[in-house]
Amino acid sequence: MTEPDRSGSRVSDKGTISSADEELLRTLYAEHAEPLFRYVLRLTSGDWQWAEDIVQETLLRAWQHPAAFEPARGPARAWLCTVARHLVIDARRARRARPPEADGEALEKIAERAPGEDQIEQALQSWAVADAIRTLSPDHRAVLLETYYRGRTMVEAAEVLGIPLGTVKSRTYYALQALRLALQERGIEP
């Protein structure tokens, strides 16, 4: 690849790209766009639009950083592939950082509900849970009351109830098993 003269300004007074930079972009595109696109297409799991956007952004960055193509710095394609890979990684991280978007189907279900339907369902479920808790033995109810409803740790619950820590742990385990069974009998899946 011939080295264009980059001594002039990047953009002329009329807002156009200098001829040297234009030649650099044309050369980069001609030599590297297709292999770069195939590489990026693999990185984007076959998403053509996203791959095209990444290639375009990569070539824009190549135009912004012409010093990256000095022969002493290595092959241009290696730099282009590295920039493209980092752009894909950054885009994936940005997508994970945003909360997931609700699809139209979920929004339609919410819109179809009658006003107050959630409160009625919640009240019915609360009654069923309270009924299921009443079926537990007094010892199991006491352990669940301390650990779940009052938010105490196992150690704190053991002190309040006056029983050993191991007993609190085993009663909690068996109380949860019994509560799960009682809820399933009432048609509630915990």
Protein backbone atom coordinates (compact mmCIF):
# COMPACT_ATOMS: atom_id res chain seq x y z
CA MET A 1 0.00 0.00 0.00
CA THR A 2 1.44 3.39 -0.93
CA GLU A 3 1.70 5.97 1.79
CA PRO A 4 -0.39 9.05 1.02
CA ASP A 5 0.85 12.47 2.00
CA ARG A 6 -0.77 13.42 5.32
CA SER A 7 1.00 16.72 5.78
CA GLY A 8 -2.08 18.72 4.75
CA SER A 9 -5.11 19.39 6.90
CA ARG A 10 -7.72 16.64 7.46
CA VAL A 11 -10.62 18.73 6.16
CA SER A 12 -10.42 21.66 3.75
CA ASP A 13 -12.04 25.04 4.27
CA LYS A 14 -15.02 23.84 2.21
CA GLY A 15 -15.61 20.90 4.62
CA THR A 16 -14.33 18.16 2.30
CA ILE A 17 -11.76 15.47 2.96
CA SER A 18 -8.25 16.08 1.68
CA SER A 19 -7.32 14.08 -1.40
CA ALA A 20 -4.62 12.18 0.51
CA ASP A 21 -7.08 11.04 3.15
CA GLU A 22 -9.66 10.20 0.54
CA GLU A 23 -7.10 8.04 -1.24
CA LEU A 24 -6.20 6.35 2.07
CA LEU A 25 -9.87 5.51 2.72
CA ARG A 26 -10.40 4.21 -0.80
CA THR A 27 -7.30 2.02 -0.54
CA LEU A 28 -8.27 0.69 2.90
CA TYR A 29 -11.80 -0.04 1.73
CA ALA A 30 -10.66 -1.75 -1.46
CA GLU A 31 -8.10 -3.95 0.28
CA HIS A 32 -9.73 -4.70 3.63
CA ALA A 33 -13.49 -4.07 3.64
CA GLU A 34 -14.60 -7.51 2.41
CA PRO A 35 -12.30 -9.62 4.65
CA LEU A 36 -13.05 -7.29 7.57
CA PHE A 37 -16.79 -7.65 6.98
CA ARG A 38 -16.54 -11.47 6.94
CA TYR A 39 -14.55 -11.37 10.20
CA VAL A 40 -17.02 -9.00 11.87
CA LEU A 41 -19.96 -11.06 10.60
CA ARG A 42 -18.61 -14.01 12.61
CA LEU A 43 -18.18 -11.79 15.68
CA THR A 44 -21.76 -10.54 15.40
CA SER A 45 -23.22 -14.04 14.99
CA GLY A 46 -24.36 -13.36 11.44
CA ASP A 47 -26.06 -10.00 12.05
CA TRP A 48 -25.46 -8.26 8.69
CA GLN A 49 -26.66 -4.81 9.72
CA TRP A 50 -24.61 -4.78 12.88
CA ALA A 51 -21.56 -6.06 10.98
CA GLU A 52 -21.95 -3.31 8.38
CA ASP A 53 -22.17 -0.70 11.14
CA ILE A 54 -19.03 -2.07 12.80
CA VAL A 55 -17.06 -2.04 9.51
CA GLN A 56 -18.19 1.52 8.84
CA GLU A 57 -17.18 2.65 12.34
CA THR A 58 -13.84 0.84 11.99
CA LEU A 59 -13.06 2.62 8.73
CA LEU A 60 -14.09 5.94 10.29
CA ARG A 61 -11.63 5.35 13.09
CA ALA A 62 -8.98 4.44 10.54
CA TRP A 63 -9.56 7.83 8.91
CA GLN A 64 -9.34 9.53 12.33
CA HIS A 65 -6.06 7.75 13.20
CA PRO A 66 -3.92 7.59 10.05
CA ALA A 67 -0.74 7.15 12.14
CA ALA A 68 -1.91 3.61 12.91
CA PHE A 69 -0.95 2.62 9.36
CA GLU A 70 2.75 3.38 9.61
CA PRO A 71 4.64 0.35 8.23
CA ALA A 72 6.61 0.06 11.49
CA ARG A 73 3.38 -0.53 13.43
CA GLY A 74 2.48 -3.69 11.57
CA PRO A 75 -0.12 -4.68 9.01
CA ALA A 76 -3.18 -2.48 8.58
CA ARG A 77 -5.59 -5.42 8.63
CA ALA A 78 -4.44 -6.45 12.09
CA TRP A 79 -5.20 -2.95 13.40
CA LEU A 80 -8.58 -2.89 11.65
CA CYS A 81 -9.57 -6.31 13.03
CA THR A 82 -8.53 -5.30 16.54
CA VAL A 83 -10.57 -2.10 16.38
CA ALA A 84 -13.58 -3.99 14.99
CA ARG A 85 -13.33 -6.65 17.71
CA HIS A 86 -13.20 -3.97 20.42
CA LEU A 87 -16.24 -2.22 18.92
CA VAL A 88 -18.22 -5.48 19.02
CA ILE A 89 -17.16 -6.15 22.62
CA ASP A 90 -18.11 -2.60 23.65
CA ALA A 91 -21.51 -2.92 21.97
CA ARG A 92 -22.22 -6.22 23.74
CA ARG A 93 -21.24 -4.74 27.10
CA ALA A 94 -23.48 -1.75 26.47
CA ARG A 95 -26.41 -4.05 25.67
CA ARG A 96 -25.87 -6.02 28.88
CA ALA A 97 -25.64 -2.84 30.96
CA ARG A 98 -29.08 -1.66 29.80
CA PRO A 99 -32.15 -3.25 31.31
CA PRO A 100 -33.82 -5.67 28.91
CA GLU A 101 -36.57 -4.22 26.81
CA ALA A 102 -40.09 -5.53 27.25
CA ASP A 103 -41.48 -7.14 24.15
CA GLY A 104 -44.86 -6.21 22.77
CA GLU A 105 -46.53 -9.39 24.00
CA ALA A 106 -45.72 -8.66 27.65
CA LEU A 107 -47.02 -5.11 27.32
CA GLU A 108 -50.26 -6.36 25.72
CA LYS A 109 -50.87 -8.75 28.62
CA ILE A 110 -50.47 -5.93 31.11
CA ALA A 111 -52.83 -3.71 29.12
CA GLU A 112 -55.48 -6.48 28.95
CA ARG A 113 -55.67 -6.87 32.72
CA ALA A 114 -58.59 -5.30 34.50
CA PRO A 115 -57.74 -2.55 36.98
CA GLY A 116 -57.11 -4.02 40.41
CA GLU A 117 -56.61 -7.57 39.10
CA ASP A 118 -53.09 -7.73 40.55
CA GLN A 119 -54.27 -6.65 43.99
CA ILE A 120 -57.05 -9.25 44.01
CA GLU A 121 -54.66 -12.00 42.91
CA GLN A 122 -52.14 -10.92 45.54
CA ALA A 123 -54.77 -10.92 48.29
CA LEU A 124 -55.99 -14.40 47.35
CA GLN A 125 -52.43 -15.69 47.29
CA SER A 126 -51.71 -14.10 50.70
CA TRP A 127 -54.73 -15.87 52.20
CA ALA A 128 -53.59 -19.19 50.75
CA VAL A 129 -50.06 -18.71 52.12
CA ALA A 130 -51.41 -17.77 55.56
CA ASP A 131 -53.64 -20.87 55.51
CA ALA A 132 -50.66 -23.04 54.51
CA ILE A 133 -48.52 -21.57 57.32
CA ARG A 134 -51.27 -22.42 59.85
CA THR A 135 -50.88 -26.11 58.89
CA LEU A 136 -47.23 -26.12 60.06
CA SER A 137 -46.25 -27.25 63.53
CA PRO A 138 -45.77 -24.47 66.14
CA ASP A 139 -41.97 -25.03 66.11
CA HIS A 140 -41.77 -24.72 62.33
CA ARG A 141 -43.99 -21.61 62.35
CA ALA A 142 -41.81 -19.97 65.00
CA VAL A 143 -38.59 -20.57 63.05
CA LEU A 144 -40.07 -19.21 59.81
CA LEU A 145 -41.52 -16.22 61.64
CA GLU A 146 -38.10 -15.29 63.05
CA THR A 147 -35.98 -16.00 59.97
CA TYR A 148 -38.24 -14.84 57.12
CA TYR A 149 -40.83 -12.44 58.47
CA ARG A 150 -38.70 -10.70 61.08
CA GLY A 151 -35.54 -10.95 58.96
CA ARG A 152 -33.31 -12.39 61.64
CA THR A 153 -30.20 -14.41 60.93
CA MET A 154 -30.05 -18.04 61.99
CA VAL A 155 -27.86 -17.08 64.96
CA GLU A 156 -30.28 -14.34 66.07
CA ALA A 157 -33.25 -16.66 65.67
CA ALA A 158 -31.50 -19.29 67.79
CA GLU A 159 -30.94 -16.73 70.56
CA VAL A 160 -34.54 -15.45 70.46
CA LEU A 161 -36.04 -18.95 70.41
CA GLY A 162 -33.56 -20.31 72.97
CA ILE A 163 -32.55 -23.32 70.87
CA PRO A 164 -29.24 -24.42 69.30
CA LEU A 165 -28.21 -23.03 65.91
CA GLY A 166 -28.26 -26.49 64.28
CA THR A 167 -31.84 -26.97 65.41
CA VAL A 168 -32.84 -23.64 63.83
CA LYS A 169 -31.21 -24.68 60.55
CA SER A 170 -32.88 -28.09 60.43
CA ARG A 171 -36.28 -26.75 61.49
CA THR A 172 -36.04 -24.04 58.82
CA TYR A 173 -35.25 -26.64 56.19
CA TYR A 174 -38.11 -28.94 57.17
CA ALA A 175 -40.52 -26.04 57.66
CA LEU A 176 -39.82 -24.83 54.11
CA GLN A 177 -40.34 -28.34 52.75
CA ALA A 178 -43.66 -28.65 54.58
CA LEU A 179 -44.72 -25.16 53.47
CA ARG A 180 -43.86 -25.95 49.84
CA LEU A 181 -46.01 -29.10 50.01
CA ALA A 182 -48.90 -27.22 51.65
CA LEU A 183 -48.74 -24.50 48.96
CA GLN A 184 -48.70 -27.07 46.17
CA GLU A 185 -51.80 -28.70 47.66
CA ARG A 186 -53.52 -25.29 47.37
CA GLY A 187 -52.47 -24.88 43.72
CA ILE A 188 -49.68 -22.37 44.35
CA GLU A 189 -46.31 -23.16 42.81
CA PRO A 190 -43.57 -21.65 45.03
